[in-house]
């Protein structure tokens, strides 16, 4: 294979790697944002209901993993 062909292939491969990295980063960001919204939904629901009924915010339990949960006070 000629040197010019090798150089062109390397350049094309680098461009493809950059495109793949950009797409992977985009997907990872979307998954991260979904996780944030999914975990924050119970908290937001409780806070909105407290505001609507003008009650004091009560502690809520948020299941996180099978054997884990956290509380928001």
PDB file of N, CA and C in Angstrom:
ATOM      1  N   UNK A   1       0.849  -1.167   0.000  1.00  0.00           N
ATOM      2  CA  UNK A   1       0.000   0.000   0.000  1.00  0.00           C
ATOM      3  C   UNK A   1       0.903   1.242   0.000  1.00  0.00           C
ATOM      4  N   UNK A   2       0.520   2.202  -0.780  1.00  0.00           N
ATOM      5  CA  UNK A   2       1.314   3.422  -0.884  1.00  0.00           C
ATOM      6  C   UNK A   2       1.169   4.267   0.382  1.00  0.00           C
ATOM      7  N   UNK A   3       2.147   5.074   0.614  1.00  0.00           N
ATOM      8  CA  UNK A   3       2.170   5.906   1.813  1.00  0.00           C
ATOM      9  C   UNK A   3       1.003   6.893   1.846  1.00  0.00           C
ATOM     10  N   UNK A   4       0.650   7.456   0.688  1.00  0.00           N
ATOM     11  CA  UNK A   4      -0.467   8.415   0.646  1.00  0.00           C
ATOM     12  C   UNK A   4      -1.786   7.736   1.005  1.00  0.00           C
ATOM     13  N   UNK A   5      -1.962   6.493   0.609  1.00  0.00           N
ATOM     14  CA  UNK A   5      -3.176   5.744   0.936  1.00  0.00           C
ATOM     15  C   UNK A   5      -3.210   5.468   2.440  1.00  0.00           C
ATOM     16  N   UNK A   6      -2.062   5.125   3.005  1.00  0.00           N
ATOM     17  CA  UNK A   6      -1.978   4.878   4.452  1.00  0.00           C
ATOM     18  C   UNK A   6      -2.338   6.131   5.245  1.00  0.00           C
ATOM     19  N   UNK A   7      -1.830   7.265   4.793  1.00  0.00           N
ATOM     20  CA  UNK A   7      -2.105   8.531   5.467  1.00  0.00           C
ATOM     21  C   UNK A   7      -3.599   8.845   5.400  1.00  0.00           C
ATOM     22  N   UNK A   8      -4.199   8.645   4.231  1.00  0.00           N
ATOM     23  CA  UNK A   8      -5.639   8.897   4.081  1.00  0.00           C
ATOM     24  C   UNK A   8      -6.462   7.983   4.984  1.00  0.00           C
ATOM     25  N   UNK A   9      -6.074   6.708   5.069  1.00  0.00           N
ATOM     26  CA  UNK A   9      -6.777   5.775   5.941  1.00  0.00           C
ATOM     27  C   UNK A   9      -6.656   6.176   7.403  1.00  0.00           C
ATOM     28  N   UNK A  10      -5.481   6.597   7.814  1.00  0.00           N
ATOM     29  CA  UNK A  10      -5.282   7.048   9.201  1.00  0.00           C
ATOM     30  C   UNK A  10      -6.170   8.254   9.503  1.00  0.00           C
ATOM     31  N   UNK A  11      -6.218   9.194   8.577  1.00  0.00           N
ATOM     32  CA  UNK A  11      -7.040  10.386   8.772  1.00  0.00           C
ATOM     33  C   UNK A  11      -8.529  10.025   8.861  1.00  0.00           C
ATOM     34  N   UNK A  12      -8.968   9.127   7.977  1.00  0.00           N
ATOM     35  CA  UNK A  12     -10.362   8.692   8.015  1.00  0.00           C
ATOM     36  C   UNK A  12     -10.672   7.976   9.331  1.00  0.00           C
ATOM     37  N   UNK A  13      -9.750   7.130   9.775  1.00  0.00           N
ATOM     38  CA  UNK A  13      -9.945   6.413  11.036  1.00  0.00           C
ATOM     39  C   UNK A  13     -10.019   7.373  12.221  1.00  0.00           C
ATOM     40  N   UNK A  14      -9.181   8.391  12.218  1.00  0.00           N
ATOM     41  CA  UNK A  14      -9.210   9.379  13.297  1.00  0.00           C
ATOM     42  C   UNK A  14     -10.541  10.128  13.306  1.00  0.00           C
ATOM     43  N   UNK A  15     -11.039  10.482  12.127  1.00  0.00           N
ATOM     44  CA  UNK A  15     -12.329  11.168  12.041  1.00  0.00           C
ATOM     45  C   UNK A  15     -13.452  10.271  12.564  1.00  0.00           C
ATOM     46  N   UNK A  16     -13.412   8.980  12.177  1.00  0.00           N
ATOM     47  CA  UNK A  16     -14.433   8.045  12.641  1.00  0.00           C
ATOM     48  C   UNK A  16     -14.360   7.872  14.153  1.00  0.00           C
ATOM     49  N   UNK A  17     -13.158   7.794  14.693  1.00  0.00           N
ATOM     50  CA  UNK A  17     -12.997   7.673  16.149  1.00  0.00           C
ATOM     51  C   UNK A  17     -13.583   8.891  16.860  1.00  0.00           C
ATOM     52  N   UNK A  18     -13.345  10.072  16.319  1.00  0.00           N
ATOM     53  CA  UNK A  18     -13.895  11.288  16.908  1.00  0.00           C
ATOM     54  C   UNK A  18     -15.417  11.289  16.848  1.00  0.00           C
ATOM     55  N   UNK A  19     -15.994  10.826  15.724  1.00  0.00           N
ATOM     56  CA  UNK A  19     -17.446  10.751  15.594  1.00  0.00           C
ATOM     57  C   UNK A  19     -18.031   9.763  16.598  1.00  0.00           C
ATOM     58  N   UNK A  20     -17.398   8.615  16.735  1.00  0.00           N
ATOM     59  CA  UNK A  20     -17.861   7.592  17.684  1.00  0.00           C
ATOM     60  C   UNK A  20     -17.779   8.130  19.109  1.00  0.00           C
ATOM     61  N   UNK A  21     -16.692   8.792  19.438  1.00  0.00           N
ATOM     62  CA  UNK A  21     -16.539   9.362  20.766  1.00  0.00           C
ATOM     63  C   UNK A  21     -17.615  10.411  21.042  1.00  0.00           C
ATOM     64  N   UNK A  22     -17.906  11.240  20.063  1.00  0.00           N
ATOM     65  CA  UNK A  22     -18.939  12.266  20.224  1.00  0.00           C
ATOM     66  C   UNK A  22     -20.309  11.620  20.436  1.00  0.00           C
ATOM     67  N   UNK A  23     -20.621  10.582  19.675  1.00  0.00           N
ATOM     68  CA  UNK A  23     -21.908   9.899  19.835  1.00  0.00           C
ATOM     69  C   UNK A  23     -21.991   9.195  21.179  1.00  0.00           C
ATOM     70  N   UNK A  24     -20.907   8.542  21.587  1.00  0.00           N
ATOM     71  CA  UNK A  24     -20.891   7.846  22.880  1.00  0.00           C
ATOM     72  C   UNK A  24     -21.056   8.837  24.022  1.00  0.00           C
ATOM     73  N   UNK A  25     -20.416   9.978  23.930  1.00  0.00           N
ATOM     74  CA  UNK A  25     -20.535  11.010  24.951  1.00  0.00           C
ATOM     75  C   UNK A  25     -21.968  11.534  25.011  1.00  0.00           C
ATOM     76  N   UNK A  26     -22.574  11.707  23.860  1.00  0.00           N
ATOM     77  CA  UNK A  26     -23.954  12.180  23.809  1.00  0.00           C
ATOM     78  C   UNK A  26     -24.897  11.182  24.471  1.00  0.00           C
ATOM     79  N   UNK A  27     -24.736   9.913  24.184  1.00  0.00           N
ATOM     80  CA  UNK A  27     -25.588   8.881  24.790  1.00  0.00           C
ATOM     81  C   UNK A  27     -25.364   8.826  26.300  1.00  0.00           C
ATOM     82  N   UNK A  28     -24.107   8.890  26.719  1.00  0.00           N
ATOM     83  CA  UNK A  28     -23.800   8.861  28.152  1.00  0.00           C
ATOM     84  C   UNK A  28     -24.425  10.051  28.873  1.00  0.00           C
ATOM     85  N   UNK A  29     -24.390  11.212  28.257  1.00  0.00           N
ATOM     86  CA  UNK A  29     -25.017  12.401  28.849  1.00  0.00           C
ATOM     87  C   UNK A  29     -26.527  12.220  28.986  1.00  0.00           C
ATOM     88  N   UNK A  30     -27.164  11.656  27.957  1.00  0.00           N
ATOM     89  CA  UNK A  30     -28.610  11.452  28.007  1.00  0.00           C
ATOM     90  C   UNK A  30     -28.989  10.446  29.086  1.00  0.00           C
ATOM     91  N   UNK A  31     -28.209   9.376  29.219  1.00  0.00           N
ATOM     92  CA  UNK A  31     -28.480   8.383  30.265  1.00  0.00           C
ATOM     93  C   UNK A  31     -28.309   9.015  31.638  1.00  0.00           C
ATOM     94  N   UNK A  32     -27.279   9.834  31.784  1.00  0.00           N
ATOM     95  CA  UNK A  32     -27.031  10.508  33.051  1.00  0.00           C
ATOM     96  C   UNK A  32     -28.175  11.457  33.404  1.00  0.00           C
ATOM     97  N   UNK A  33     -28.656  12.196  32.429  1.00  0.00           N
ATOM     98  CA  UNK A  33     -29.764  13.119  32.665  1.00  0.00           C
ATOM     99  C   UNK A  33     -31.043  12.357  33.005  1.00  0.00           C
ATOM    100  N   UNK A  34     -31.274  11.215  32.347  1.00  0.00           N
ATOM    101  CA  UNK A  34     -32.446  10.402  32.657  1.00  0.00           C
ATOM    102  C   UNK A  34     -32.375   9.898  34.093  1.00  0.00           C
ATOM    103  N   UNK A  35     -31.198   9.428  34.497  1.00  0.00           N
ATOM    104  CA  UNK A  35     -31.034   8.923  35.863  1.00  0.00           C
ATOM    105  C   UNK A  35     -31.308  10.042  36.873  1.00  0.00           C
ATOM    106  N   UNK A  36     -30.801  11.229  36.608  1.00  0.00           N
ATOM    107  CA  UNK A  36     -31.023  12.366  37.497  1.00  0.00           C
ATOM    108  C   UNK A  36     -32.505  12.669  37.624  1.00  0.00           C
ATOM    109  N   UNK A  37     -33.201  12.693  36.491  1.00  0.00           N
ATOM    110  CA  UNK A  37     -34.637  12.986  36.505  1.00  0.00           C
ATOM    111  C   UNK A  37     -35.427  11.874  37.182  1.00  0.00           C
ATOM    112  N   UNK A  38     -35.051  10.637  36.942  1.00  0.00           N
ATOM    113  CA  UNK A  38     -35.758   9.493  37.513  1.00  0.00           C
ATOM    114  C   UNK A  38     -35.628   9.473  39.033  1.00  0.00           C
ATOM    115  N   UNK A  39     -34.432   9.739  39.513  1.00  0.00           N
ATOM    116  CA  UNK A  39     -34.206   9.728  40.956  1.00  0.00           C
ATOM    117  C   UNK A  39     -34.832  10.964  41.610  1.00  0.00           C
ATOM    118  N   UNK A  40     -34.834  12.077  40.922  1.00  0.00           N
ATOM    119  CA  UNK A  40     -35.367  13.307  41.498  1.00  0.00           C
ATOM    120  C   UNK A  40     -36.879  13.435  41.427  1.00  0.00           C
ATOM    121  N   UNK A  41     -37.540  12.591  40.652  1.00  0.00           N
ATOM    122  CA  UNK A  41     -38.990  12.704  40.478  1.00  0.00           C
ATOM    123  C   UNK A  41     -39.772  12.556  41.785  1.00  0.00           C
ATOM    124  N   UNK A  42     -39.474  11.567  42.640  1.00  0.00           N
ATOM    125  CA  UNK A  42     -40.235  11.465  43.893  1.00  0.00           C
ATOM    126  C   UNK A  42     -40.054  12.688  44.790  1.00  0.00           C
ATOM    127  N   UNK A  43     -38.862  13.235  44.795  1.00  0.00           N
ATOM    128  CA  UNK A  43     -38.596  14.419  45.617  1.00  0.00           C
ATOM    129  C   UNK A  43     -39.413  15.602  45.092  1.00  0.00           C
ATOM    130  N   UNK A  44     -39.395  15.786  43.788  1.00  0.00           N
ATOM    131  CA  UNK A  44     -40.133  16.898  43.190  1.00  0.00           C
ATOM    132  C   UNK A  44     -41.634  16.748  43.424  1.00  0.00           C
ATOM    133  N   UNK A  45     -42.133  15.528  43.275  1.00  0.00           N
ATOM    134  CA  UNK A  45     -43.559  15.283  43.493  1.00  0.00           C
ATOM    135  C   UNK A  45     -43.957  15.646  44.919  1.00  0.00           C
ATOM    136  N   UNK A  46     -43.167  15.232  45.877  1.00  0.00           N
ATOM    137  CA  UNK A  46     -43.460  15.524  47.277  1.00  0.00           C
ATOM    138  C   UNK A  46     -43.392  17.026  47.542  1.00  0.00           C
ATOM    139  N   UNK A  47     -42.376  17.679  47.013  1.00  0.00           N
ATOM    140  CA  UNK A  47     -42.242  19.124  47.232  1.00  0.00           C
ATOM    141  C   UNK A  47     -43.396  19.891  46.594  1.00  0.00           C
ATOM    142  N   UNK A  48     -43.787  19.491  45.380  1.00  0.00           N
ATOM    143  CA  UNK A  48     -44.910  20.167  44.714  1.00  0.00           C
ATOM    144  C   UNK A  48     -46.213  19.973  45.482  1.00  0.00           C
ATOM    145  N   UNK A  49     -46.421  18.775  45.998  1.00  0.00           N
ATOM    146  CA  UNK A  49     -47.649  18.548  46.755  1.00  0.00           C
ATOM    147  C   UNK A  49     -47.651  19.351  48.050  1.00  0.00           C
ATOM    148  N   UNK A  50     -46.499  19.508  48.670  1.00  0.00           N
ATOM    149  CA  UNK A  50     -46.407  20.312  49.886  1.00  0.00           C
ATOM    150  C   UNK A  50     -46.686  21.784  49.599  1.00  0.00           C
ATOM    151  N   UNK A  51     -46.158  22.256  48.489  1.00  0.00           N
ATOM    152  CA  UNK A  51     -46.385  23.656  48.118  1.00  0.00           C
ATOM    153  C   UNK A  51     -47.858  23.878  47.782  1.00  0.00           C
ATOM    154  N   UNK A  52     -48.447  22.947  47.061  1.00  0.00           N
ATOM    155  CA  UNK A  52     -49.849  23.089  46.665  1.00  0.00           C
ATOM    156  C   UNK A  52     -50.780  23.082  47.877  1.00  0.00           C
ATOM    157  N   UNK A  53     -50.480  22.243  48.851  1.00  0.00           N
ATOM    158  CA  UNK A  53     -51.344  22.157  50.030  1.00  0.00           C
ATOM    159  C   UNK A  53     -50.863  23.056  51.171  1.00  0.00           C
ATOM    160  N   UNK A  54     -49.781  23.775  50.924  1.00  0.00           N
ATOM    161  CA  UNK A  54     -49.195  24.695  51.901  1.00  0.00           C
ATOM    162  C   UNK A  54     -48.833  23.994  53.209  1.00  0.00           C
ATOM    163  N   UNK A  55     -48.346  22.766  53.072  1.00  0.00           N
ATOM    164  CA  UNK A  55     -47.899  22.004  54.226  1.00  0.00           C
ATOM    165  C   UNK A  55     -46.385  22.093  54.337  1.00  0.00           C
ATOM    166  N   UNK A  56     -45.897  21.652  55.460  1.00  0.00           N
ATOM    167  CA  UNK A  56     -44.460  21.587  55.670  1.00  0.00           C
ATOM    168  C   UNK A  56     -43.922  20.357  54.931  1.00  0.00           C
ATOM    169  N   UNK A  57     -42.735  20.493  54.376  1.00  0.00           N
ATOM    170  CA  UNK A  57     -42.116  19.372  53.652  1.00  0.00           C
ATOM    171  C   UNK A  57     -41.814  18.246  54.623  1.00  0.00           C
ATOM    172  N   UNK A  58     -42.301  17.057  54.312  1.00  0.00           N
ATOM    173  CA  UNK A  58     -42.077  15.897  55.157  1.00  0.00           C
ATOM    174  C   UNK A  58     -40.929  15.076  54.590  1.00  0.00           C
ATOM    175  N   UNK A  59     -40.238  14.369  55.454  1.00  0.00           N
ATOM    176  CA  UNK A  59     -39.151  13.500  55.015  1.00  0.00           C
ATOM    177  C   UNK A  59     -39.706  12.419  54.097  1.00  0.00           C
ATOM    178  N   UNK A  60     -38.964  12.131  53.033  1.00  0.00           N
ATOM    179  CA  UNK A  60     -39.389  11.074  52.126  1.00  0.00           C
ATOM    180  C   UNK A  60     -38.254  10.080  51.935  1.00  0.00           C
ATOM    181  N   UNK A  61     -38.637   8.855  51.678  1.00  0.00           N
ATOM    182  CA  UNK A  61     -37.694   7.776  51.436  1.00  0.00           C
ATOM    183  C   UNK A  61     -37.637   7.530  49.932  1.00  0.00           C
ATOM    184  N   UNK A  62     -36.435   7.500  49.381  1.00  0.00           N
ATOM    185  CA  UNK A  62     -36.270   7.273  47.953  1.00  0.00           C
ATOM    186  C   UNK A  62     -35.492   5.974  47.761  1.00  0.00           C
ATOM    187  N   UNK A  63     -36.143   4.935  47.205  1.00  0.00           N
ATOM    188  CA  UNK A  63     -35.409   3.696  46.949  1.00  0.00           C
ATOM    189  C   UNK A  63     -34.401   3.931  45.830  1.00  0.00           C
ATOM    190  N   UNK A  64     -33.157   3.567  46.075  1.00  0.00           N
ATOM    191  CA  UNK A  64     -32.094   3.846  45.120  1.00  0.00           C
ATOM    192  C   UNK A  64     -31.644   2.572  44.408  1.00  0.00           C
ATOM    193  N   UNK A  65     -31.296   1.566  45.176  1.00  0.00           N
ATOM    194  CA  UNK A  65     -30.909   0.265  44.636  1.00  0.00           C
ATOM    195  C   UNK A  65     -31.665  -0.787  45.426  1.00  0.00           C
ATOM    196  N   UNK A  66     -31.452  -2.046  45.068  1.00  0.00           N
ATOM    197  CA  UNK A  66     -32.204  -3.112  45.706  1.00  0.00           C
ATOM    198  C   UNK A  66     -32.073  -3.075  47.225  1.00  0.00           C
ATOM    199  N   UNK A  67     -30.879  -2.914  47.725  1.00  0.00           N
ATOM    200  CA  UNK A  67     -30.642  -2.904  49.164  1.00  0.00           C
ATOM    201  C   UNK A  67     -30.278  -1.525  49.699  1.00  0.00           C
ATOM    202  N   UNK A  68     -30.536  -0.481  48.926  1.00  0.00           N
ATOM    203  CA  UNK A  68     -30.156   0.864  49.340  1.00  0.00           C
ATOM    204  C   UNK A  68     -31.318   1.835  49.129  1.00  0.00           C
ATOM    205  N   UNK A  69     -31.378   2.810  49.984  1.00  0.00           N
ATOM    206  CA  UNK A  69     -32.334   3.906  49.834  1.00  0.00           C
ATOM    207  C   UNK A  69     -31.769   5.125  50.547  1.00  0.00           C
ATOM    208  N   UNK A  70     -32.294   6.264  50.241  1.00  0.00           N
ATOM    209  CA  UNK A  70     -31.868   7.464  50.964  1.00  0.00           C
ATOM    210  C   UNK A  70     -33.091   8.275  51.335  1.00  0.00           C
ATOM    211  N   UNK A  71     -32.885   9.123  52.292  1.00  0.00           N
ATOM    212  CA  UNK A  71     -33.953   9.966  52.822  1.00  0.00           C
ATOM    213  C   UNK A  71     -33.661  11.418  52.509  1.00  0.00           C
ATOM    214  N   UNK A  72     -34.706  12.160  52.249  1.00  0.00           N
ATOM    215  CA  UNK A  72     -34.587  13.599  52.037  1.00  0.00           C
ATOM    216  C   UNK A  72     -35.430  14.276  53.111  1.00  0.00           C
ATOM    217  N   UNK A  73     -34.798  15.146  53.863  1.00  0.00           N
ATOM    218  CA  UNK A  73     -35.478  15.847  54.954  1.00  0.00           C
ATOM    219  C   UNK A  73     -35.659  17.301  54.604  1.00  0.00           C
TER     220      UNK A  73
END
